[in-house]
C-alpha atoms as a PDB file:
ATOM      1  CA  MET A   1      28.804 -18.169   9.471  1.00  0.00           C
ATOM      2  CA  VAL A   2      26.224 -20.698   9.071  1.00  0.00           C
ATOM      3  CA  TYR A   3      22.620 -18.299  10.501  1.00  0.00           C
ATOM      4  CA  THR A   4      19.644 -20.485  11.656  1.00  0.00           C
ATOM      5  CA  PHE A   5      16.281 -19.703  12.504  1.00  0.00           C
ATOM      6  CA  GLY A   6      13.535 -20.556  13.918  1.00  0.00           C
ATOM      7  CA  LEU A   7       9.839 -20.483  12.439  1.00  0.00           C
ATOM      8  CA  ALA A   8       6.869 -20.022  14.812  1.00  0.00           C
ATOM      9  CA  LYS A   9       4.416 -23.407  14.250  1.00  0.00           C
ATOM     10  CA  VAL A  10       2.231 -22.776  11.540  1.00  0.00           C
ATOM     11  CA  ALA A  11      -1.616 -24.514  12.600  1.00  0.00           C
ATOM     12  CA  ASN A  12      -3.257 -25.058   9.018  1.00  0.00           C
ATOM     13  CA  ILE A  13      -1.196 -27.942   7.637  1.00  0.00           C
ATOM     14  CA  ARG A  14      -2.509 -26.823   4.169  1.00  0.00           C
ATOM     15  CA  TYR A  15      -0.999 -22.763   5.056  1.00  0.00           C
ATOM     16  CA  ARG A  16       2.745 -24.686   6.602  1.00  0.00           C
ATOM     17  CA  ASP A  17       4.792 -25.054   3.145  1.00  0.00           C
ATOM     18  CA  ALA A  18       3.410 -22.005   2.010  1.00  0.00           C
ATOM     19  CA  ALA A  19       4.361 -19.833   4.763  1.00  0.00           C
ATOM     20  CA  ASN A  20       7.794 -21.619   4.907  1.00  0.00           C
ATOM     21  CA  ARG A  21       8.163 -20.132   1.691  1.00  0.00           C
ATOM     22  CA  LEU A  22       6.753 -16.928   2.777  1.00  0.00           C
ATOM     23  CA  SER A  23       8.965 -16.532   5.093  1.00  0.00           C
ATOM     24  CA  ARG A  24      11.629 -17.699   2.787  1.00  0.00           C
ATOM     25  CA  CYS A  25      11.201 -14.195   0.769  1.00  0.00           C
ATOM     26  CA  GLU A  26      10.825 -12.727   3.509  1.00  0.00           C
ATOM     27  CA  LEU A  27      13.846 -12.680   4.821  1.00  0.00           C
ATOM     28  CA  SER A  28      16.045 -13.357   1.530  1.00  0.00           C
ATOM     29  CA  ALA A  29      14.232  -9.485   1.043  1.00  0.00           C
ATOM     30  CA  MET A  30      15.426  -7.854   4.434  1.00  0.00           C
ATOM     31  CA  LEU A  31      18.905  -9.744   3.588  1.00  0.00           C
ATOM     32  CA  HIS A  32      19.103  -7.674   0.225  1.00  0.00           C
ATOM     33  CA  ALA A  33      18.583  -4.608   1.889  1.00  0.00           C
ATOM     34  CA  LEU A  34      21.600  -5.185   4.225  1.00  0.00           C
ATOM     35  CA  SER A  35      23.546  -6.126   0.558  1.00  0.00           C
ATOM     36  CA  LEU A  36      23.617  -9.744   1.392  1.00  0.00           C
ATOM     37  CA  ASP A  37      22.351 -11.653  -1.022  1.00  0.00           C
ATOM     38  CA  CYS A  38      22.581 -15.241   0.287  1.00  0.00           C
ATOM     39  CA  GLU A  39      20.722 -18.521  -0.578  1.00  0.00           C
ATOM     40  CA  VAL A  40      18.332 -19.035   1.946  1.00  0.00           C
ATOM     41  CA  ALA A  41      17.089 -22.602   2.801  1.00  0.00           C
ATOM     42  CA  VAL A  42      14.624 -24.358   4.317  1.00  0.00           C
ATOM     43  CA  GLU A  43      15.732 -27.234   7.061  1.00  0.00           C
ATOM     44  CA  SER A  44      13.710 -29.237   9.018  1.00  0.00           C
ATOM     45  CA  ILE A  45      15.583 -29.887  12.550  1.00  0.00           C
ATOM     46  CA  GLY A  46      14.847 -32.217  15.773  1.00  0.00           C
ATOM     47  CA  GLY A  47      10.588 -31.824  13.629  1.00  0.00           C
ATOM     48  CA  ALA A  48      10.500 -27.508  13.414  1.00  0.00           C
ATOM     49  CA  ASP A  49      11.307 -25.601  10.463  1.00  0.00           C
ATOM     50  CA  PHE A  50      14.188 -23.105   9.851  1.00  0.00           C
ATOM     51  CA  LEU A  51      14.837 -20.647   7.678  1.00  0.00           C
ATOM     52  CA  VAL A  52      19.250 -21.087   7.483  1.00  0.00           C
ATOM     53  CA  PHE A  53      21.851 -19.222   5.053  1.00  0.00           C
ATOM     54  CA  GLU A  54      25.219 -18.556   5.314  1.00  0.00           C
ATOM     55  CA  SER A  55      27.148 -14.941   4.855  1.00  0.00           C
ATOM     56  CA  ARG A  56      30.286 -13.121   7.073  1.00  0.00           C
ATOM     57  CA  ALA A  57      29.239 -12.261   9.987  1.00  0.00           C
ATOM     58  CA  LEU A  58      26.000 -10.346  11.608  1.00  0.00           C
ATOM     59  CA  SER A  59      26.628  -7.142  13.195  1.00  0.00           C
ATOM     60  CA  GLY A  60      24.561  -6.932  16.237  1.00  0.00           C
ATOM     61  CA  GLY A  61      22.692  -3.949  14.854  1.00  0.00           C
ATOM     62  CA  GLU A  62      21.857  -6.285  11.820  1.00  0.00           C
ATOM     63  CA  ILE A  63      20.647  -8.813  13.402  1.00  0.00           C
ATOM     64  CA  GLU A  64      18.525  -6.914  15.198  1.00  0.00           C
ATOM     65  CA  ARG A  65      16.928  -6.062  12.143  1.00  0.00           C
ATOM     66  CA  LEU A  66      16.718  -9.521  11.369  1.00  0.00           C
ATOM     67  CA  ARG A  67      14.456  -9.737  14.702  1.00  0.00           C
ATOM     68  CA  SER A  68      11.313  -8.743  12.880  1.00  0.00           C
ATOM     69  CA  HIS A  69      11.152 -11.088  11.039  1.00  0.00           C
ATOM     70  CA  SER A  70       7.378 -11.592  10.895  1.00  0.00           C
ATOM     71  CA  SER A  71       7.726 -15.573  11.917  1.00  0.00           C
ATOM     72  CA  VAL A  72      11.036 -15.759  13.238  1.00  0.00           C
ATOM     73  CA  VAL A  73      10.846 -16.960  17.185  1.00  0.00           C
ATOM     74  CA  PHE A  74      14.767 -18.226  17.558  1.00  0.00           C
ATOM     75  CA  MET A  75      17.652 -17.083  16.048  1.00  0.00           C
ATOM     76  CA  ALA A  76      21.156 -18.964  16.371  1.00  0.00           C
ATOM     77  CA  GLU A  77      24.889 -18.785  14.660  1.00  0.00           C
ATOM     78  CA  ARG A  78      25.611 -22.723  13.728  1.00  0.00           C
ATOM     79  CA  GLU A  79      28.757 -23.985  15.193  1.00  0.00           C
ATOM     80  CA  ALA A  80      31.062 -26.540  13.067  1.00  0.00           C
ATOM     81  CA  ASP A  81      29.947 -29.822  15.305  1.00  0.00           C
ATOM     82  CA  GLY A  82      26.182 -28.858  14.165  1.00  0.00           C
ATOM     83  CA  ARG A  83      25.312 -27.131  17.864  1.00  0.00           C
ATOM     84  CA  LEU A  84      23.447 -23.850  17.600  1.00  0.00           C
ATOM     85  CA  ARG A  85      23.886 -21.646  19.597  1.00  0.00           C
ATOM     86  CA  PRO A  86      21.402 -19.243  20.554  1.00  0.00           C
ATOM     87  CA  LEU A  87      21.876 -15.217  19.758  1.00  0.00           C
ATOM     88  CA  ASP A  88      20.791 -13.377  22.498  1.00  0.00           C
ATOM     89  CA  GLY A  89      19.172  -9.652  22.364  1.00  0.00           C
ATOM     90  CA  GLY A  90      15.632  -8.189  22.704  1.00  0.00           C
ATOM     91  CA  THR A  91      12.454  -8.681  20.975  1.00  0.00           C
ATOM     92  CA  GLY A  92      12.709  -5.946  18.984  1.00  0.00           C
ATOM     93  CA  LEU A  93       9.550  -4.779  19.363  1.00  0.00           C
ATOM     94  CA  TYR A  94       8.415  -1.454  20.759  1.00  0.00           C
ATOM     95  CA  LEU A  95       4.971  -2.494  21.892  1.00  0.00           C
ATOM     96  CA  GLU A  96       3.732  -5.061  23.239  1.00  0.00           C
ATOM     97  CA  GLU A  97       3.204  -8.947  20.498  1.00  0.00           C
ATOM     98  CA  ASP A  98      -0.856  -8.868  22.039  1.00  0.00           C
ATOM     99  CA  LEU A  99      -1.037  -5.360  20.361  1.00  0.00           C
ATOM    100  CA  PRO A 100      -2.584  -7.276  16.967  1.00  0.00           C
ATOM    101  CA  GLU A 101      -4.089 -10.324  17.671  1.00  0.00           C
ATOM    102  CA  ILE A 102      -6.072  -9.871  20.390  1.00  0.00           C
ATOM    103  CA  LEU A 103      -9.435  -7.867  18.478  1.00  0.00           C
ATOM    104  CA  LYS A 104     -10.515 -10.430  16.538  1.00  0.00           C
ATOM    105  CA  TYR A 105     -12.964 -10.170  13.696  1.00  0.00           C
ATOM    106  CA  LYS A 106     -14.396 -12.010  10.849  1.00  0.00           C
ATOM    107  CA  GLY A 107     -12.348 -11.135   7.653  1.00  0.00           C
ATOM    108  CA  LYS A 108      -9.145  -9.918   9.264  1.00  0.00           C
ATOM    109  CA  THR A 109      -5.618 -10.578   8.101  1.00  0.00           C
ATOM    110  CA  SER A 110      -3.034 -12.408  10.637  1.00  0.00           C
ATOM    111  CA  ALA A 111      -0.776  -9.936  12.221  1.00  0.00           C
ATOM    112  CA  ALA A 112       2.056 -12.072  11.046  1.00  0.00           C
ATOM    113  CA  PHE A 113       1.809 -11.889   7.003  1.00  0.00           C
ATOM    114  CA  THR A 114       0.785  -8.144   7.820  1.00  0.00           C
ATOM    115  CA  ARG A 115       4.104  -7.791   9.231  1.00  0.00           C
ATOM    116  CA  LEU A 116       5.821 -10.374   6.023  1.00  0.00           C
ATOM    117  CA  MET A 117       4.143  -7.064   3.964  1.00  0.00           C
ATOM    118  CA  ILE A 118       5.670  -4.318   6.516  1.00  0.00           C
ATOM    119  CA  ASN A 119       9.046  -5.897   6.384  1.00  0.00           C
ATOM    120  CA  MET A 120       9.034  -6.577   2.608  1.00  0.00           C
ATOM    121  CA  ALA A 121       7.823  -2.957   1.745  1.00  0.00           C
ATOM    122  CA  LEU A 122      10.524  -1.627   4.532  1.00  0.00           C
ATOM    123  CA  SER A 123      13.140  -3.978   2.633  1.00  0.00           C
ATOM    124  CA  LEU A 124      13.095  -2.392  -0.651  1.00  0.00           C
ATOM    125  CA  SER A 125      12.192   1.223  -0.058  1.00  0.00           C
ATOM    126  CA  PRO A 126      15.639   3.924   0.723  1.00  0.00           C
ATOM    127  CA  PHE A 127      14.226   3.832   4.540  1.00  0.00           C
ATOM    128  CA  PHE A 128      15.174   0.117   6.091  1.00  0.00           C
ATOM    129  CA  SER A 129      18.136   1.165   7.363  1.00  0.00           C
ATOM    130  CA  SER A 130      16.315   4.379   9.191  1.00  0.00           C
ATOM    131  CA  SER A 131      16.905   5.270  12.694  1.00  0.00           C
ATOM    132  CA  ALA A 132      14.129   7.069  12.860  1.00  0.00           C
ATOM    133  CA  PRO A 133      10.408   6.804  13.206  1.00  0.00           C
ATOM    134  CA  LEU A 134       8.844   5.482   9.702  1.00  0.00           C
ATOM    135  CA  THR A 135       5.128   5.764   9.073  1.00  0.00           C
ATOM    136  CA  LEU A 136       3.007   3.192   7.618  1.00  0.00           C
ATOM    137  CA  LEU A 137      -0.769   4.090   6.331  1.00  0.00           C
ATOM    138  CA  ASP A 138      -3.404   1.578   5.800  1.00  0.00           C
ATOM    139  CA  PRO A 139      -6.046   3.507   3.161  1.00  0.00           C
ATOM    140  CA  LEU A 140      -8.150   0.509   3.394  1.00  0.00           C
ATOM    141  CA  CYS A 141      -7.522  -0.360   7.834  1.00  0.00           C
ATOM    142  CA  GLY A 142     -10.850  -2.271   8.578  1.00  0.00           C
ATOM    143  CA  LYS A 143      -9.988  -2.561  11.748  1.00  0.00           C
ATOM    144  CA  GLY A 144      -6.561  -1.560  12.078  1.00  0.00           C
ATOM    145  CA  THR A 145      -4.061  -4.357  12.258  1.00  0.00           C
ATOM    146  CA  SER A 146      -1.512  -2.841   9.779  1.00  0.00           C
ATOM    147  CA  CYS A 147      -1.768   0.215  12.129  1.00  0.00           C
ATOM    148  CA  PHE A 148      -1.004  -2.114  15.155  1.00  0.00           C
ATOM    149  CA  CYS A 149       1.963  -4.687  13.717  1.00  0.00           C
ATOM    150  CA  ALA A 150       3.565  -0.869  12.392  1.00  0.00           C
ATOM    151  CA  LEU A 151       2.779   0.631  15.944  1.00  0.00           C
ATOM    152  CA  GLN A 152       4.104  -2.797  17.586  1.00  0.00           C
ATOM    153  CA  GLY A 153       7.839  -2.831  15.221  1.00  0.00           C
ATOM    154  CA  GLY A 154       8.202   0.961  16.528  1.00  0.00           C
ATOM    155  CA  MET A 155       6.665   3.231  13.907  1.00  0.00           C
ATOM    156  CA  ASN A 156       3.708   5.978  13.542  1.00  0.00           C
ATOM    157  CA  ALA A 157       0.467   4.887  11.923  1.00  0.00           C
ATOM    158  CA  VAL A 158      -2.010   6.667   9.724  1.00  0.00           C
ATOM    159  CA  GLY A 159      -5.537   4.415   8.644  1.00  0.00           C
ATOM    160  CA  MET A 160      -8.892   4.942   6.949  1.00  0.00           C
ATOM    161  CA  ASP A 161     -11.571   3.267   5.957  1.00  0.00           C
ATOM    162  CA  LEU A 162     -15.980   3.588   5.541  1.00  0.00           C
ATOM    163  CA  ASP A 163     -16.893   1.474   7.204  1.00  0.00           C
ATOM    164  CA  GLN A 164     -17.501   3.859  10.542  1.00  0.00           C
ATOM    165  CA  LYS A 165     -18.339   1.396  12.988  1.00  0.00           C
ATOM    166  CA  ALA A 166     -15.110  -0.629  12.342  1.00  0.00           C
ATOM    167  CA  VAL A 167     -12.666   2.511  12.728  1.00  0.00           C
ATOM    168  CA  HIS A 168     -14.709   3.465  15.483  1.00  0.00           C
ATOM    169  CA  GLU A 169     -13.894  -0.495  17.035  1.00  0.00           C
ATOM    170  CA  ALA A 170     -10.042  -0.174  15.881  1.00  0.00           C
ATOM    171  CA  CYS A 171     -10.504   3.351  18.861  1.00  0.00           C
ATOM    172  CA  ASP A 172     -11.973   1.927  21.169  1.00  0.00           C
ATOM    173  CA  TYR A 173     -10.398  -1.166  20.947  1.00  0.00           C
ATOM    174  CA  PHE A 174      -6.537   1.326  21.588  1.00  0.00           C
ATOM    175  CA  SER A 175      -7.578   3.816  23.852  1.00  0.00           C
ATOM    176  CA  ARG A 176      -8.947   0.350  26.422  1.00  0.00           C
ATOM    177  CA  TYR A 177      -5.056  -1.061  24.619  1.00  0.00           C
ATOM    178  CA  LEU A 178      -3.346   1.995  26.549  1.00  0.00           C
ATOM    179  CA  LYS A 179      -5.184   1.931  29.490  1.00  0.00           C
ATOM    180  CA  VAL A 180      -4.451  -1.472  30.515  1.00  0.00           C
ATOM    181  CA  HIS A 181      -0.549  -1.568  30.335  1.00  0.00           C
ATOM    182  CA  GLN A 182      -0.794   1.481  31.693  1.00  0.00           C
ATOM    183  CA  LEU A 183       1.090   3.732  28.639  1.00  0.00           C
ATOM    184  CA  LYS A 184       1.420   7.611  28.838  1.00  0.00           C
ATOM    185  CA  HIS A 185      -0.427   8.817  26.123  1.00  0.00           C
ATOM    186  CA  THR A 186      -3.097  11.543  24.649  1.00  0.00           C
ATOM    187  CA  LYS A 187      -5.965  11.115  22.624  1.00  0.00           C
ATOM    188  CA  ARG A 188      -7.974  13.950  20.663  1.00  0.00           C
ATOM    189  CA  ALA A 189     -10.230  14.371  18.111  1.00  0.00           C
ATOM    190  CA  VAL A 190      -9.411  16.717  15.503  1.00  0.00           C
ATOM    191  CA  SER A 191     -11.080  17.683  11.590  1.00  0.00           C
ATOM    192  CA  GLU A 192      -8.771  17.688   8.164  1.00  0.00           C
ATOM    193  CA  THR A 193     -10.002  18.943   4.856  1.00  0.00           C
ATOM    194  CA  PHE A 194      -8.866  17.894   1.777  1.00  0.00           C
ATOM    195  CA  LEU A 195     -10.564  18.205  -1.621  1.00  0.00           C
ATOM    196  CA  ASN A 196     -13.575  19.805  -0.024  1.00  0.00           C
ATOM    197  CA  THR A 197     -14.434  17.152   2.506  1.00  0.00           C
ATOM    198  CA  SER A 198     -14.123  17.361   5.953  1.00  0.00           C
ATOM    199  CA  LEU A 199     -12.659  14.256   7.156  1.00  0.00           C
ATOM    200  CA  PRO A 200     -12.998  13.250  11.418  1.00  0.00           C
ATOM    201  CA  VAL A 201      -9.402  12.541  12.666  1.00  0.00           C
ATOM    202  CA  THR A 202      -8.672  10.569  15.885  1.00  0.00           C
ATOM    203  CA  GLU A 203      -5.503  11.098  16.558  1.00  0.00           C
ATOM    204  CA  PHE A 204      -3.613   9.711  19.627  1.00  0.00           C
ATOM    205  CA  VAL A 205       0.151  10.211  21.351  1.00  0.00           C
ATOM    206  CA  PHE A 206       2.385   7.704  23.391  1.00  0.00           C
ATOM    207  CA  ALA A 207       5.335   6.128  24.424  1.00  0.00           C
ATOM    208  CA  ASP A 208       6.329   3.112  25.215  1.00  0.00           C
ATOM    209  CA  THR A 209       7.678   4.165  28.588  1.00  0.00           C
ATOM    210  CA  ARG A 210       7.026   7.093  30.641  1.00  0.00           C
ATOM    211  CA  GLU A 211      10.322   7.911  30.754  1.00  0.00           C
ATOM    212  CA  HIS A 212       9.918   8.635  26.935  1.00  0.00           C
ATOM    213  CA  TYR A 213       6.957  10.283  26.709  1.00  0.00           C
ATOM    214  CA  GLN A 214       8.416  12.855  29.473  1.00  0.00           C
ATOM    215  CA  GLN A 215      11.013  13.618  26.359  1.00  0.00           C
ATOM    216  CA  ASP A 216       8.768  13.890  23.516  1.00  0.00           C
ATOM    217  CA  GLN A 217      10.011  10.575  22.624  1.00  0.00           C
ATOM    218  CA  THR A 218       6.451   9.960  20.973  1.00  0.00           C
ATOM    219  CA  ARG A 219       4.531   7.224  18.626  1.00  0.00           C
ATOM    220  CA  SER A 220       1.233   7.894  16.906  1.00  0.00           C
ATOM    221  CA  LEU A 221      -1.571   6.735  15.259  1.00  0.00           C
ATOM    222  CA  ARG A 222      -4.158   8.401  13.463  1.00  0.00           C
ATOM    223  CA  LEU A 223      -8.075   6.607  12.695  1.00  0.00           C
ATOM    224  CA  ALA A 224     -10.296   8.295  10.086  1.00  0.00           C
ATOM    225  CA  VAL A 225     -13.426   8.162   8.944  1.00  0.00           C
ATOM    226  CA  GLY A 226     -13.931   8.342   4.937  1.00  0.00           C
ATOM    227  CA  ASP A 227     -13.294   7.691   1.182  1.00  0.00           C
ATOM    228  CA  THR A 228     -10.041   6.006   0.695  1.00  0.00           C
ATOM    229  CA  VAL A 229      -9.235   9.018  -2.379  1.00  0.00           C
ATOM    230  CA  LEU A 230      -9.430  11.468   0.718  1.00  0.00           C
ATOM    231  CA  VAL A 231      -5.677  10.185   2.257  1.00  0.00           C
ATOM    232  CA  PRO A 232      -3.472  12.854   1.060  1.00  0.00           C
ATOM    233  CA  GLY A 233      -5.491  15.195   3.254  1.00  0.00           C
ATOM    234  CA  LEU A 234      -4.016  12.699   6.510  1.00  0.00           C
ATOM    235  CA  CYS A 235      -0.542  12.948   5.060  1.00  0.00           C
ATOM    236  CA  ARG A 236      -0.452  16.746   4.710  1.00  0.00           C
ATOM    237  CA  ARG A 237       1.724  17.430   6.859  1.00  0.00           C
ATOM    238  CA  ARG A 238       3.826  14.399   7.687  1.00  0.00           C
ATOM    239  CA  PRO A 239       4.308  12.232   4.476  1.00  0.00           C
ATOM    240  CA  ALA A 240       3.847   8.433   5.035  1.00  0.00           C
ATOM    241  CA  HIS A 241       6.783   5.992   3.767  1.00  0.00           C
ATOM    242  CA  LEU A 242       5.018   2.906   3.553  1.00  0.00           C
ATOM    243  CA  LEU A 243       1.205   1.826   2.324  1.00  0.00           C
ATOM    244  CA  VAL A 244       0.245  -1.289   3.207  1.00  0.00           C
ATOM    245  CA  ALA A 245      -3.554  -2.754   1.952  1.00  0.00           C
ATOM    246  CA  ASP A 246      -5.244  -5.639   2.169  1.00  0.00           C
ATOM    247  CA  LEU A 247      -7.898  -4.971  -1.168  1.00  0.00           C
ATOM    248  CA  PRO A 248     -11.723  -6.751  -0.259  1.00  0.00           C
ATOM    249  CA  TYR A 249     -11.711 -10.533  -1.360  1.00  0.00           C
ATOM    250  CA  GLY A 250     -15.402  -9.934  -2.078  1.00  0.00           C
ATOM    251  CA  VAL A 251     -16.914  -9.179  -5.301  1.00  0.00           C
ATOM    252  CA  GLN A 252     -17.459  -6.103  -5.308  1.00  0.00           C
ATOM    253  CA  HIS A 253     -15.664  -3.906  -2.835  1.00  0.00           C
ATOM    254  CA  ALA A 254     -18.268  -1.505   0.048  1.00  0.00           C
ATOM    255  CA  PRO A 255     -21.092   1.096  -1.784  1.00  0.00           C
ATOM    256  CA  ARG A 256     -19.293   4.285  -3.083  1.00  0.00           C
ATOM    257  CA  PHE A 257     -22.400   6.542  -3.373  1.00  0.00           C
ATOM    258  CA  GLY A 258     -25.836   5.771  -1.502  1.00  0.00           C
ATOM    259  CA  ARG A 259     -26.272   1.875  -2.189  1.00  0.00           C
ATOM    260  CA  LYS A 260     -24.187   1.676  -5.806  1.00  0.00           C
ATOM    261  CA  PRO A 261     -21.492  -1.036  -5.745  1.00  0.00           C
ATOM    262  CA  GLU A 262     -17.987  -0.123  -6.609  1.00  0.00           C
ATOM    263  CA  SER A 263     -16.175  -2.915  -8.701  1.00  0.00           C
ATOM    264  CA  PHE A 264     -12.296  -3.583  -8.004  1.00  0.00           C
ATOM    265  CA  ARG A 265     -11.032  -2.467 -10.563  1.00  0.00           C
ATOM    266  CA  SER A 266     -12.814   1.005  -9.962  1.00  0.00           C
ATOM    267  CA  LEU A 267     -11.783   1.711  -6.700  1.00  0.00           C
ATOM    268  CA  LEU A 268      -8.445   0.767  -7.269  1.00  0.00           C
ATOM    269  CA  ALA A 269      -8.264   2.826 -10.093  1.00  0.00           C
ATOM    270  CA  ARG A 270      -9.328   6.258  -8.681  1.00  0.00           C
ATOM    271  CA  ALA A 271      -7.684   5.322  -5.035  1.00  0.00           C
ATOM    272  CA  LEU A 272      -4.009   4.846  -6.682  1.00  0.00           C
ATOM    273  CA  PRO A 273      -3.327   8.321  -7.905  1.00  0.00           C
ATOM    274  CA  GLN A 274      -4.700   9.414  -4.613  1.00  0.00           C
ATOM    275  CA  TRP A 275      -2.597   6.853  -2.763  1.00  0.00           C
ATOM    276  CA  LYS A 276       0.427   7.566  -4.627  1.00  0.00           C
ATOM    277  CA  LYS A 277       0.487  11.595  -2.836  1.00  0.00           C
ATOM    278  CA  ALA A 278       0.191  10.353   0.902  1.00  0.00           C
ATOM    279  CA  LEU A 279       3.428   9.129   0.120  1.00  0.00           C
ATOM    280  CA  GLN A 280       7.291  10.150   0.279  1.00  0.00           C
ATOM    281  CA  PRO A 281       9.303  10.440  -2.346  1.00  0.00           C
ATOM    282  CA  GLY A 282      10.502   6.772  -2.599  1.00  0.00           C
ATOM    283  CA  GLY A 283       7.435   5.587  -0.911  1.00  0.00           C
ATOM    284  CA  VAL A 284       6.983   1.706  -1.053  1.00  0.00           C
ATOM    285  CA  ALA A 285       2.676  -0.238  -1.085  1.00  0.00           C
ATOM    286  CA  ALA A 286       2.366  -3.465  -0.915  1.00  0.00           C
ATOM    287  CA  LEU A 287      -0.805  -4.344  -2.226  1.00  0.00           C
ATOM    288  CA  SER A 288      -1.879  -7.801  -1.326  1.00  0.00           C
ATOM    289  CA  PHE A 289      -5.261  -9.118  -3.270  1.00  0.00           C
ATOM    290  CA  ASN A 290      -7.006 -12.473  -4.180  1.00  0.00           C
ATOM    291  CA  THR A 291      -6.164 -13.229  -7.249  1.00  0.00           C
ATOM    292  CA  LEU A 292      -9.570 -15.119  -8.341  1.00  0.00           C
ATOM    293  CA  THR A 293     -11.458 -12.048  -7.988  1.00  0.00           C
ATOM    294  CA  PHE A 294      -8.696  -9.462  -9.432  1.00  0.00           C
ATOM    295  CA  PRO A 295      -5.844 -11.233 -10.997  1.00  0.00           C
ATOM    296  CA  THR A 296      -2.642  -9.715 -10.168  1.00  0.00           C
ATOM    297  CA  GLN A 297      -1.584  -8.325 -13.942  1.00  0.00           C
ATOM    298  CA  GLN A 298      -5.323  -6.709 -13.826  1.00  0.00           C
ATOM    299  CA  VAL A 299      -3.479  -5.039 -10.747  1.00  0.00           C
ATOM    300  CA  ILE A 300       0.008  -4.688 -11.857  1.00  0.00           C
ATOM    301  CA  ASP A 301      -2.350  -2.581 -15.297  1.00  0.00           C
ATOM    302  CA  ILE A 302      -3.617  -0.623 -13.144  1.00  0.00           C
ATOM    303  CA  ALA A 303      -0.811   0.771 -11.073  1.00  0.00           C
ATOM    304  CA  ARG A 304       0.936   1.470 -14.079  1.00  0.00           C
ATOM    305  CA  GLU A 305      -1.052   3.328 -15.328  1.00  0.00           C
ATOM    306  CA  SER A 306      -1.615   4.987 -12.587  1.00  0.00           C
ATOM    307  CA  GLY A 307       1.518   6.078 -12.197  1.00  0.00           C
ATOM    308  CA  TRP A 308       3.534   3.670  -9.885  1.00  0.00           C
ATOM    309  CA  THR A 309       6.413   1.811 -10.982  1.00  0.00           C
ATOM    310  CA  LEU A 310       6.669  -2.703 -10.306  1.00  0.00           C
ATOM    311  CA  CYS A 311       9.700  -3.700  -8.282  1.00  0.00           C
ATOM    312  CA  GLU A 312      10.603  -6.702  -9.199  1.00  0.00           C
ATOM    313  CA  GLY A 313      12.858  -9.134  -8.825  1.00  0.00           C
ATOM    314  CA  PRO A 314      13.356 -13.569  -7.462  1.00  0.00           C
ATOM    315  CA  PHE A 315      11.603 -13.286  -4.107  1.00  0.00           C
ATOM    316  CA  LEU A 316       9.033 -11.637  -5.424  1.00  0.00           C
ATOM    317  CA  GLY A 317       7.145 -13.926  -7.757  1.00  0.00           C
ATOM    318  CA  HIS A 318       6.785 -16.731  -5.037  1.00  0.00           C
ATOM    319  CA  LEU A 319       4.525 -14.875  -3.249  1.00  0.00           C
ATOM    320  CA  ARG A 320       1.124 -16.402  -4.315  1.00  0.00           C
ATOM    321  CA  HIS A 321      -0.393 -18.899  -1.878  1.00  0.00           C
ATOM    322  CA  GLU A 322      -4.317 -20.731  -1.057  1.00  0.00           C
ATOM    323  CA  VAL A 323      -5.546 -18.580   1.893  1.00  0.00           C
ATOM    324  CA  GLU A 324      -9.148 -20.673   2.044  1.00  0.00           C
ATOM    325  CA  GLN A 325     -10.537 -21.934  -1.043  1.00  0.00           C
ATOM    326  CA  ALA A 326     -12.061 -19.210  -2.232  1.00  0.00           C
ATOM    327  CA  VAL A 327      -8.615 -16.561  -1.740  1.00  0.00           C
ATOM    328  CA  VAL A 328      -6.013 -17.521  -3.152  1.00  0.00           C
ATOM    329  CA  ARG A 329      -3.951 -14.982  -2.958  1.00  0.00           C
ATOM    330  CA  ASP A 330      -1.006 -12.389  -3.732  1.00  0.00           C
ATOM    331  CA  VAL A 331       1.263  -9.577  -3.638  1.00  0.00           C
ATOM    332  CA  ILE A 332       2.696  -6.846  -5.226  1.00  0.00           C
ATOM    333  CA  PHE A 333       4.927  -3.983  -4.463  1.00  0.00           C
ATOM    334  CA  ILE A 334       5.238  -0.230  -6.157  1.00  0.00           C
ATOM    335  CA  THR A 335       6.961   2.767  -5.831  1.00  0.00           C
ATOM    336  CA  ASN A 336       6.111   6.323  -6.668  1.00  0.00           C
ATOM    337  CA  THR A 337       9.758   7.225  -7.950  1.00  0.00           C
ATOM    338  CA  PRO A 338      11.255   4.762 -10.544  1.00  0.00           C
ATOM    339  CA  PHE A 339      12.519   1.097  -9.112  1.00  0.00           C
ATOM    340  CA  GLU A 340      16.270   1.171  -9.882  1.00  0.00           C
ATOM    341  CA  GLY A 341      16.795  -2.218  -8.059  1.00  0.00           C
ATOM    342  CA  GLY A 342      19.437  -5.426  -8.236  1.00  0.00           C
ATOM    343  CA  THR A 343      17.160  -7.907  -6.389  1.00  0.00           C
END
């Protein structure tokens, strides 16, 4: 059976070819997690771009899994005569698609690319077919795009950043979002202690419907201000399944001690061992970075030195792409347990 998935239009023409390639890699990873190692092609139909592949008939559950693809806006079966028969279904979203889009700020990673990292990390993990809500950790969360993408997909989310203003803005935004959408919720301030350091945490507990909230079928968001090495303190009771981090694109990271700047290498070398402790066994981390300031092999070397295992496979080696003149982005996926691939 031939399936044809329509892709969202990319306004940036320079980025369009790269976006199609990335979308193809993402779908290949998701199909592999469904034990479908079929060839995915990009075709233009009526001036629109589609991902096309041939496989056995997909079950309803598998179609719903694939519906979470970051760029797919239309799903259909291709009939023998070339006609497309749309595949009906929901949006695959727990919260409305506006959640990660409304809050705008300089340097924001696009929600579509963030969802791609989440989907590919999940596809490489043993949790892809889990029916229970998973937890995503962003240890450099900024104003929370990764966390909001995770919540949108029905996950729990945990975020930490050293930038107090950014974290507070993310908390204020989510509070307003819950009220505007009239979602039943609670919000409270708590404190966690780790390595003799007290971490102020804002915790939201909410549900997509009033009925689910009353039945205790809820999700949570926890946002904290602090140094990224302290993230295990946020995940002691509920280790995360996935970690997504968009590493800083500039030459220097935020100050570590007073005004003393910290290099990328130093940041990652001290953070990765702690990030590893915050994940469940089998957890997968997706790290994106600017290769012009942080070469891919250097990131891989530091990850391996920190005890992580690199996830390798044919659809993982084609993710490097130009974002703008000074940013050529790449992504690696690493796991905290030995990787038994087939990818």
